[in-house]
Amino acid sequence: MLILSRKEEESIIINGNIEVKVLEIGEGKVRLGIKAPKDVDIFREEIYKSIQEANIQAAKAKVDIKEMGKLFNKNGKNE
């Protein structure tokens, strides 16, 4: 892990196109601003972990292929 020190209004640049800027330093927390291309997903860690867990649970789910097919067919009949 790279560890850097930054003051308010100072930034770091990642991969040439992502800027992370320290906006405010307060009691017990730091506000960061992030500029990145729209195709770069940015999540708070707790949200990212929640998404990962939901994906793991979805992958474990038992799926009935015939029932799944009915979801894609409006009248529920196989053609």
PDB file of N, CA and C in Angstrom:
ATOM      1  N   MET A   1       0.844  -1.176   0.000  1.00  0.00           N
ATOM      2  CA  MET A   1       0.000   0.000   0.000  1.00  0.00           C
ATOM      3  C   MET A   1       0.891   1.242   0.000  1.00  0.00           C
ATOM      4  N   LEU A   2       0.621   2.131  -0.910  1.00  0.00           N
ATOM      5  CA  LEU A   2       1.313   3.411  -0.968  1.00  0.00           C
ATOM      6  C   LEU A   2       0.667   4.354   0.040  1.00  0.00           C
ATOM      7  N   ILE A   3       1.459   5.015   0.843  1.00  0.00           N
ATOM      8  CA  ILE A   3       0.951   5.962   1.833  1.00  0.00           C
ATOM      9  C   ILE A   3       1.502   7.344   1.502  1.00  0.00           C
ATOM     10  N   LEU A   4       0.597   8.310   1.346  1.00  0.00           N
ATOM     11  CA  LEU A   4       0.973   9.677   1.001  1.00  0.00           C
ATOM     12  C   LEU A   4       0.382  10.647   2.009  1.00  0.00           C
ATOM     13  N   SER A   5       1.025  11.775   2.170  1.00  0.00           N
ATOM     14  CA  SER A   5       0.480  12.870   2.974  1.00  0.00           C
ATOM     15  C   SER A   5       0.064  13.985   2.030  1.00  0.00           C
ATOM     16  N   ARG A   6      -1.110  14.536   2.238  1.00  0.00           N
ATOM     17  CA  ARG A   6      -1.613  15.644   1.432  1.00  0.00           C
ATOM     18  C   ARG A   6      -2.272  16.649   2.365  1.00  0.00           C
ATOM     19  N   LYS A   7      -2.205  17.907   2.004  1.00  0.00           N
ATOM     20  CA  LYS A   7      -2.895  18.965   2.732  1.00  0.00           C
ATOM     21  C   LYS A   7      -4.177  19.294   1.979  1.00  0.00           C
ATOM     22  N   GLU A   8      -5.041  20.106   2.603  1.00  0.00           N
ATOM     23  CA  GLU A   8      -6.262  20.536   1.924  1.00  0.00           C
ATOM     24  C   GLU A   8      -5.926  21.172   0.587  1.00  0.00           C
ATOM     25  N   GLU A   9      -6.754  20.877  -0.395  1.00  0.00           N
ATOM     26  CA  GLU A   9      -6.626  21.372  -1.768  1.00  0.00           C
ATOM     27  C   GLU A   9      -5.480  20.738  -2.557  1.00  0.00           C
ATOM     28  N   GLU A  10      -4.776  19.777  -1.987  1.00  0.00           N
ATOM     29  CA  GLU A  10      -3.739  19.053  -2.725  1.00  0.00           C
ATOM     30  C   GLU A  10      -4.335  17.771  -3.293  1.00  0.00           C
ATOM     31  N   SER A  11      -3.758  17.309  -4.396  1.00  0.00           N
ATOM     32  CA  SER A  11      -4.290  16.153  -5.118  1.00  0.00           C
ATOM     33  C   SER A  11      -3.224  15.103  -5.345  1.00  0.00           C
ATOM     34  N   ILE A  12      -3.709  13.932  -5.732  1.00  0.00           N
ATOM     35  CA  ILE A  12      -2.852  12.906  -6.322  1.00  0.00           C
ATOM     36  C   ILE A  12      -3.499  12.515  -7.646  1.00  0.00           C
ATOM     37  N   ILE A  13      -2.696  12.080  -8.581  1.00  0.00           N
ATOM     38  CA  ILE A  13      -3.184  11.643  -9.889  1.00  0.00           C
ATOM     39  C   ILE A  13      -2.888  10.153 -10.022  1.00  0.00           C
ATOM     40  N   ILE A  14      -3.893   9.394 -10.422  1.00  0.00           N
ATOM     41  CA  ILE A  14      -3.765   7.949 -10.586  1.00  0.00           C
ATOM     42  C   ILE A  14      -3.959   7.617 -12.060  1.00  0.00           C
ATOM     43  N   ASN A  15      -3.021   6.896 -12.610  1.00  0.00           N
ATOM     44  CA  ASN A  15      -3.113   6.408 -13.989  1.00  0.00           C
ATOM     45  C   ASN A  15      -3.280   7.527 -15.024  1.00  0.00           C
ATOM     46  N   GLY A  16      -2.881   8.727 -14.673  1.00  0.00           N
ATOM     47  CA  GLY A  16      -2.927   9.834 -15.613  1.00  0.00           C
ATOM     48  C   GLY A  16      -4.285  10.447 -15.861  1.00  0.00           C
ATOM     49  N   ASN A  17      -5.370   9.813 -15.377  1.00  0.00           N
ATOM     50  CA  ASN A  17      -6.697  10.352 -15.666  1.00  0.00           C
ATOM     51  C   ASN A  17      -7.660  10.349 -14.477  1.00  0.00           C
ATOM     52  N   ILE A  18      -7.164  10.030 -13.301  1.00  0.00           N
ATOM     53  CA  ILE A  18      -7.999  10.041 -12.100  1.00  0.00           C
ATOM     54  C   ILE A  18      -7.335  10.965 -11.085  1.00  0.00           C
ATOM     55  N   GLU A  19      -8.085  11.970 -10.643  1.00  0.00           N
ATOM     56  CA  GLU A  19      -7.570  12.907  -9.645  1.00  0.00           C
ATOM     57  C   GLU A  19      -8.334  12.717  -8.340  1.00  0.00           C
ATOM     58  N   VAL A  20      -7.602  12.555  -7.260  1.00  0.00           N
ATOM     59  CA  VAL A  20      -8.187  12.484  -5.923  1.00  0.00           C
ATOM     60  C   VAL A  20      -7.674  13.704  -5.166  1.00  0.00           C
ATOM     61  N   LYS A  21      -8.598  14.568  -4.756  1.00  0.00           N
ATOM     62  CA  LYS A  21      -8.232  15.833  -4.125  1.00  0.00           C
ATOM     63  C   LYS A  21      -8.771  15.886  -2.702  1.00  0.00           C
ATOM     64  N   VAL A  22      -7.941  16.340  -1.773  1.00  0.00           N
ATOM     65  CA  VAL A  22      -8.366  16.542  -0.388  1.00  0.00           C
ATOM     66  C   VAL A  22      -9.122  17.867  -0.349  1.00  0.00           C
ATOM     67  N   LEU A  23     -10.414  17.812  -0.083  1.00  0.00           N
ATOM     68  CA  LEU A  23     -11.233  19.015  -0.058  1.00  0.00           C
ATOM     69  C   LEU A  23     -11.272  19.655   1.318  1.00  0.00           C
ATOM     70  N   GLU A  24     -11.339  18.810   2.338  1.00  0.00           N
ATOM     71  CA  GLU A  24     -11.498  19.331   3.692  1.00  0.00           C
ATOM     72  C   GLU A  24     -10.984  18.312   4.693  1.00  0.00           C
ATOM     73  N   ILE A  25     -10.320  18.797   5.713  1.00  0.00           N
ATOM     74  CA  ILE A  25      -9.861  17.941   6.804  1.00  0.00           C
ATOM     75  C   ILE A  25     -10.556  18.432   8.062  1.00  0.00           C
ATOM     76  N   GLY A  26     -11.326  17.549   8.689  1.00  0.00           N
ATOM     77  CA  GLY A  26     -12.069  17.934   9.885  1.00  0.00           C
ATOM     78  C   GLY A  26     -11.763  16.986  11.021  1.00  0.00           C
ATOM     79  N   GLU A  27     -12.571  17.090  12.053  1.00  0.00           N
ATOM     80  CA  GLU A  27     -12.389  16.231  13.222  1.00  0.00           C
ATOM     81  C   GLU A  27     -12.789  14.800  12.883  1.00  0.00           C
ATOM     82  N   GLY A  28     -11.818  13.947  12.736  1.00  0.00           N
ATOM     83  CA  GLY A  28     -12.080  12.534  12.518  1.00  0.00           C
ATOM     84  C   GLY A  28     -12.473  12.140  11.106  1.00  0.00           C
ATOM     85  N   LYS A  29     -12.481  13.082  10.172  1.00  0.00           N
ATOM     86  CA  LYS A  29     -12.800  12.685   8.803  1.00  0.00           C
ATOM     87  C   LYS A  29     -12.150  13.617   7.792  1.00  0.00           C
ATOM     88  N   VAL A  30     -12.037  13.090   6.585  1.00  0.00           N
ATOM     89  CA  VAL A  30     -11.452  13.816   5.465  1.00  0.00           C
ATOM     90  C   VAL A  30     -12.457  13.764   4.317  1.00  0.00           C
ATOM     91  N   ARG A  31     -12.723  14.901   3.683  1.00  0.00           N
ATOM     92  CA  ARG A  31     -13.592  14.925   2.499  1.00  0.00           C
ATOM     93  C   ARG A  31     -12.703  14.896   1.273  1.00  0.00           C
ATOM     94  N   LEU A  32     -12.995  13.965   0.384  1.00  0.00           N
ATOM     95  CA  LEU A  32     -12.229  13.798  -0.847  1.00  0.00           C
ATOM     96  C   LEU A  32     -13.110  14.106  -2.046  1.00  0.00           C
ATOM     97  N   GLY A  33     -12.506  14.677  -3.059  1.00  0.00           N
ATOM     98  CA  GLY A  33     -13.169  14.845  -4.349  1.00  0.00           C
ATOM     99  C   GLY A  33     -12.453  13.966  -5.355  1.00  0.00           C
ATOM    100  N   ILE A  34     -13.213  13.313  -6.216  1.00  0.00           N
ATOM    101  CA  ILE A  34     -12.616  12.395  -7.187  1.00  0.00           C
ATOM    102  C   ILE A  34     -13.100  12.770  -8.582  1.00  0.00           C
ATOM    103  N   LYS A  35     -12.157  13.035  -9.474  1.00  0.00           N
ATOM    104  CA  LYS A  35     -12.458  13.254 -10.892  1.00  0.00           C
ATOM    105  C   LYS A  35     -11.936  12.048 -11.641  1.00  0.00           C
ATOM    106  N   ALA A  36     -12.832  11.396 -12.367  1.00  0.00           N
ATOM    107  CA  ALA A  36     -12.447  10.193 -13.107  1.00  0.00           C
ATOM    108  C   ALA A  36     -13.335  10.070 -14.337  1.00  0.00           C
ATOM    109  N   PRO A  37     -12.869   9.334 -15.346  1.00  0.00           N
ATOM    110  CA  PRO A  37     -13.718   9.084 -16.515  1.00  0.00           C
ATOM    111  C   PRO A  37     -15.018   8.389 -16.101  1.00  0.00           C
ATOM    112  N   LYS A  38     -16.070   8.610 -16.867  1.00  0.00           N
ATOM    113  CA  LYS A  38     -17.378   8.035 -16.536  1.00  0.00           C
ATOM    114  C   LYS A  38     -17.376   6.515 -16.517  1.00  0.00           C
ATOM    115  N   ASP A  39     -16.452   5.891 -17.235  1.00  0.00           N
ATOM    116  CA  ASP A  39     -16.426   4.428 -17.266  1.00  0.00           C
ATOM    117  C   ASP A  39     -15.690   3.828 -16.066  1.00  0.00           C
ATOM    118  N   VAL A  40     -15.217   4.655 -15.147  1.00  0.00           N
ATOM    119  CA  VAL A  40     -14.535   4.173 -13.942  1.00  0.00           C
ATOM    120  C   VAL A  40     -15.553   4.143 -12.804  1.00  0.00           C
ATOM    121  N   ASP A  41     -15.797   2.955 -12.251  1.00  0.00           N
ATOM    122  CA  ASP A  41     -16.703   2.820 -11.111  1.00  0.00           C
ATOM    123  C   ASP A  41     -15.987   3.254  -9.846  1.00  0.00           C
ATOM    124  N   ILE A  42     -16.670   4.056  -9.029  1.00  0.00           N
ATOM    125  CA  ILE A  42     -16.114   4.514  -7.762  1.00  0.00           C
ATOM    126  C   ILE A  42     -17.150   4.219  -6.686  1.00  0.00           C
ATOM    127  N   PHE A  43     -16.763   3.444  -5.676  1.00  0.00           N
ATOM    128  CA  PHE A  43     -17.662   3.065  -4.596  1.00  0.00           C
ATOM    129  C   PHE A  43     -16.991   3.291  -3.250  1.00  0.00           C
ATOM    130  N   ARG A  44     -17.786   3.618  -2.242  1.00  0.00           N
ATOM    131  CA  ARG A  44     -17.287   3.547  -0.869  1.00  0.00           C
ATOM    132  C   ARG A  44     -17.066   2.068  -0.573  1.00  0.00           C
ATOM    133  N   GLU A  45     -16.098   1.775   0.277  1.00  0.00           N
ATOM    134  CA  GLU A  45     -15.726   0.379   0.532  1.00  0.00           C
ATOM    135  C   GLU A  45     -16.913  -0.459   0.996  1.00  0.00           C
ATOM    136  N   GLU A  46     -17.734   0.064   1.905  1.00  0.00           N
ATOM    137  CA  GLU A  46     -18.842  -0.730   2.432  1.00  0.00           C
ATOM    138  C   GLU A  46     -19.874  -1.035   1.351  1.00  0.00           C
ATOM    139  N   ILE A  47     -20.071  -0.120   0.409  1.00  0.00           N
ATOM    140  CA  ILE A  47     -20.990  -0.368  -0.703  1.00  0.00           C
ATOM    141  C   ILE A  47     -20.407  -1.424  -1.637  1.00  0.00           C
ATOM    142  N   TYR A  48     -19.117  -1.311  -1.927  1.00  0.00           N
ATOM    143  CA  TYR A  48     -18.445  -2.274  -2.800  1.00  0.00           C
ATOM    144  C   TYR A  48     -18.543  -3.689  -2.223  1.00  0.00           C
ATOM    145  N   LYS A  49     -18.307  -3.830  -0.917  1.00  0.00           N
ATOM    146  CA  LYS A  49     -18.394  -5.150  -0.277  1.00  0.00           C
ATOM    147  C   LYS A  49     -19.819  -5.690  -0.335  1.00  0.00           C
ATOM    148  N   SER A  50     -20.799  -4.814  -0.180  1.00  0.00           N
ATOM    149  CA  SER A  50     -22.197  -5.227  -0.265  1.00  0.00           C
ATOM    150  C   SER A  50     -22.538  -5.734  -1.668  1.00  0.00           C
ATOM    151  N   ILE A  51     -22.049  -5.049  -2.683  1.00  0.00           N
ATOM    152  CA  ILE A  51     -22.267  -5.474  -4.071  1.00  0.00           C
ATOM    153  C   ILE A  51     -21.612  -6.830  -4.317  1.00  0.00           C
ATOM    154  N   GLN A  52     -20.384  -6.996  -3.834  1.00  0.00           N
ATOM    155  CA  GLN A  52     -19.686  -8.278  -4.003  1.00  0.00           C
ATOM    156  C   GLN A  52     -20.471  -9.410  -3.351  1.00  0.00           C
ATOM    157  N   GLU A  53     -20.957  -9.186  -2.141  1.00  0.00           N
ATOM    158  CA  GLU A  53     -21.706 -10.227  -1.430  1.00  0.00           C
ATOM    159  C   GLU A  53     -23.001 -10.564  -2.170  1.00  0.00           C
ATOM    160  N   ALA A  54     -23.692  -9.555  -2.674  1.00  0.00           N
ATOM    161  CA  ALA A  54     -24.923  -9.800  -3.435  1.00  0.00           C
ATOM    162  C   ALA A  54     -24.625 -10.612  -4.690  1.00  0.00           C
ATOM    163  N   ASN A  55     -23.523 -10.325  -5.352  1.00  0.00           N
ATOM    164  CA  ASN A  55     -23.141 -11.086  -6.547  1.00  0.00           C
ATOM    165  C   ASN A  55     -22.811 -12.532  -6.208  1.00  0.00           C
ATOM    166  N   ILE A  56     -22.132 -12.751  -5.091  1.00  0.00           N
ATOM    167  CA  ILE A  56     -21.804 -14.116  -4.655  1.00  0.00           C
ATOM    168  C   ILE A  56     -23.085 -14.888  -4.373  1.00  0.00           C
ATOM    169  N   GLN A  57     -24.036 -14.261  -3.666  1.00  0.00           N
ATOM    170  CA  GLN A  57     -25.298 -14.925  -3.348  1.00  0.00           C
ATOM    171  C   GLN A  57     -26.098 -15.220  -4.615  1.00  0.00           C
ATOM    172  N   ALA A  58     -26.094 -14.293  -5.551  1.00  0.00           N
ATOM    173  CA  ALA A  58     -26.820 -14.506  -6.810  1.00  0.00           C
ATOM    174  C   ALA A  58     -26.211 -15.658  -7.601  1.00  0.00           C
ATOM    175  N   ALA A  59     -24.900 -15.779  -7.563  1.00  0.00           N
ATOM    176  CA  ALA A  59     -24.226 -16.854  -8.293  1.00  0.00           C
ATOM    177  C   ALA A  59     -24.535 -18.218  -7.679  1.00  0.00           C
ATOM    178  N   LYS A  60     -24.829 -18.253  -6.390  1.00  0.00           N
ATOM    179  CA  LYS A  60     -25.131 -19.511  -5.697  1.00  0.00           C
ATOM    180  C   LYS A  60     -26.592 -19.929  -5.858  1.00  0.00           C
ATOM    181  N   ALA A  61     -27.435 -19.012  -6.297  1.00  0.00           N
ATOM    182  CA  ALA A  61     -28.875 -19.278  -6.380  1.00  0.00           C
ATOM    183  C   ALA A  61     -29.168 -20.394  -7.382  1.00  0.00           C
ATOM    184  N   LYS A  62     -30.115 -21.238  -7.037  1.00  0.00           N
ATOM    185  CA  LYS A  62     -30.577 -22.296  -7.932  1.00  0.00           C
ATOM    186  C   LYS A  62     -31.557 -21.675  -8.921  1.00  0.00           C
ATOM    187  N   VAL A  63     -31.368 -21.948 -10.185  1.00  0.00           N
ATOM    188  CA  VAL A  63     -32.212 -21.362 -11.221  1.00  0.00           C
ATOM    189  C   VAL A  63     -32.874 -22.477 -12.022  1.00  0.00           C
ATOM    190  N   ASP A  64     -34.191 -22.379 -12.165  1.00  0.00           N
ATOM    191  CA  ASP A  64     -34.951 -23.295 -13.007  1.00  0.00           C
ATOM    192  C   ASP A  64     -34.976 -22.683 -14.407  1.00  0.00           C
ATOM    193  N   ILE A  65     -34.295 -23.326 -15.349  1.00  0.00           N
ATOM    194  CA  ILE A  65     -34.154 -22.788 -16.702  1.00  0.00           C
ATOM    195  C   ILE A  65     -35.517 -22.593 -17.372  1.00  0.00           C
ATOM    196  N   LYS A  66     -36.455 -23.522 -17.175  1.00  0.00           N
ATOM    197  CA  LYS A  66     -37.782 -23.383 -17.784  1.00  0.00           C
ATOM    198  C   LYS A  66     -38.507 -22.158 -17.227  1.00  0.00           C
ATOM    199  N   GLU A  67     -38.413 -21.960 -15.926  1.00  0.00           N
ATOM    200  CA  GLU A  67     -39.046 -20.787 -15.321  1.00  0.00           C
ATOM    201  C   GLU A  67     -38.380 -19.502 -15.809  1.00  0.00           C
ATOM    202  N   MET A  68     -37.084 -19.533 -15.967  1.00  0.00           N
ATOM    203  CA  MET A  68     -36.355 -18.373 -16.474  1.00  0.00           C
ATOM    204  C   MET A  68     -36.822 -18.049 -17.890  1.00  0.00           C
ATOM    205  N   GLY A  69     -37.032 -19.075 -18.708  1.00  0.00           N
ATOM    206  CA  GLY A  69     -37.510 -18.876 -20.070  1.00  0.00           C
ATOM    207  C   GLY A  69     -38.871 -18.207 -20.095  1.00  0.00           C
ATOM    208  N   LYS A  70     -39.722 -18.546 -19.144  1.00  0.00           N
ATOM    209  CA  LYS A  70     -41.051 -17.934 -19.073  1.00  0.00           C
ATOM    210  C   LYS A  70     -40.960 -16.430 -18.820  1.00  0.00           C
ATOM    211  N   LEU A  71     -39.957 -16.012 -18.108  1.00  0.00           N
ATOM    212  CA  LEU A  71     -39.787 -14.587 -17.836  1.00  0.00           C
ATOM    213  C   LEU A  71     -39.520 -13.802 -19.115  1.00  0.00           C
ATOM    214  N   PHE A  72     -38.888 -14.456 -20.086  1.00  0.00           N
ATOM    215  CA  PHE A  72     -38.538 -13.789 -21.329  1.00  0.00           C
ATOM    216  C   PHE A  72     -39.607 -13.947 -22.403  1.00  0.00           C
ATOM    217  N   ASN A  73     -40.579 -14.817 -22.157  1.00  0.00           N
ATOM    218  CA  ASN A  73     -41.636 -15.072 -23.122  1.00  0.00           C
ATOM    219  C   ASN A  73     -42.939 -14.533 -22.534  1.00  0.00           C
ATOM    220  N   LYS A  74     -43.533 -13.541 -23.148  1.00  0.00           N
ATOM    221  CA  LYS A  74     -44.693 -12.845 -22.590  1.00  0.00           C
ATOM    222  C   LYS A  74     -45.857 -13.771 -22.267  1.00  0.00           C
ATOM    223  N   ASN A  75     -46.129 -14.751 -23.121  1.00  0.00           N
ATOM    224  CA  ASN A  75     -47.292 -15.605 -22.892  1.00  0.00           C
ATOM    225  C   ASN A  75     -46.964 -16.846 -22.071  1.00  0.00           C
ATOM    226  N   GLY A  76     -45.724 -17.038 -21.707  1.00  0.00           N
ATOM    227  CA  GLY A  76     -45.338 -18.151 -20.856  1.00  0.00           C
ATOM    228  C   GLY A  76     -45.267 -19.486 -21.554  1.00  0.00           C
ATOM    229  N   LYS A  77     -45.436 -19.518 -22.893  1.00  0.00           N
ATOM    230  CA  LYS A  77     -45.377 -20.773 -23.637  1.00  0.00           C
ATOM    231  C   LYS A  77     -44.069 -20.861 -24.399  1.00  0.00           C
ATOM    232  N   ASN A  78     -43.567 -22.066 -24.507  1.00  0.00           N
ATOM    233  CA  ASN A  78     -42.357 -22.273 -25.311  1.00  0.00           C
ATOM    234  C   ASN A  78     -42.745 -22.285 -26.778  1.00  0.00           C
ATOM    235  N   GLU A  79     -41.969 -21.615 -27.596  1.00  0.00           N
ATOM    236  CA  GLU A  79     -42.274 -21.574 -29.026  1.00  0.00           C
ATOM    237  C   GLU A  79     -41.254 -22.361 -29.795  1.00  0.00           C
TER     238      GLU A  79
END
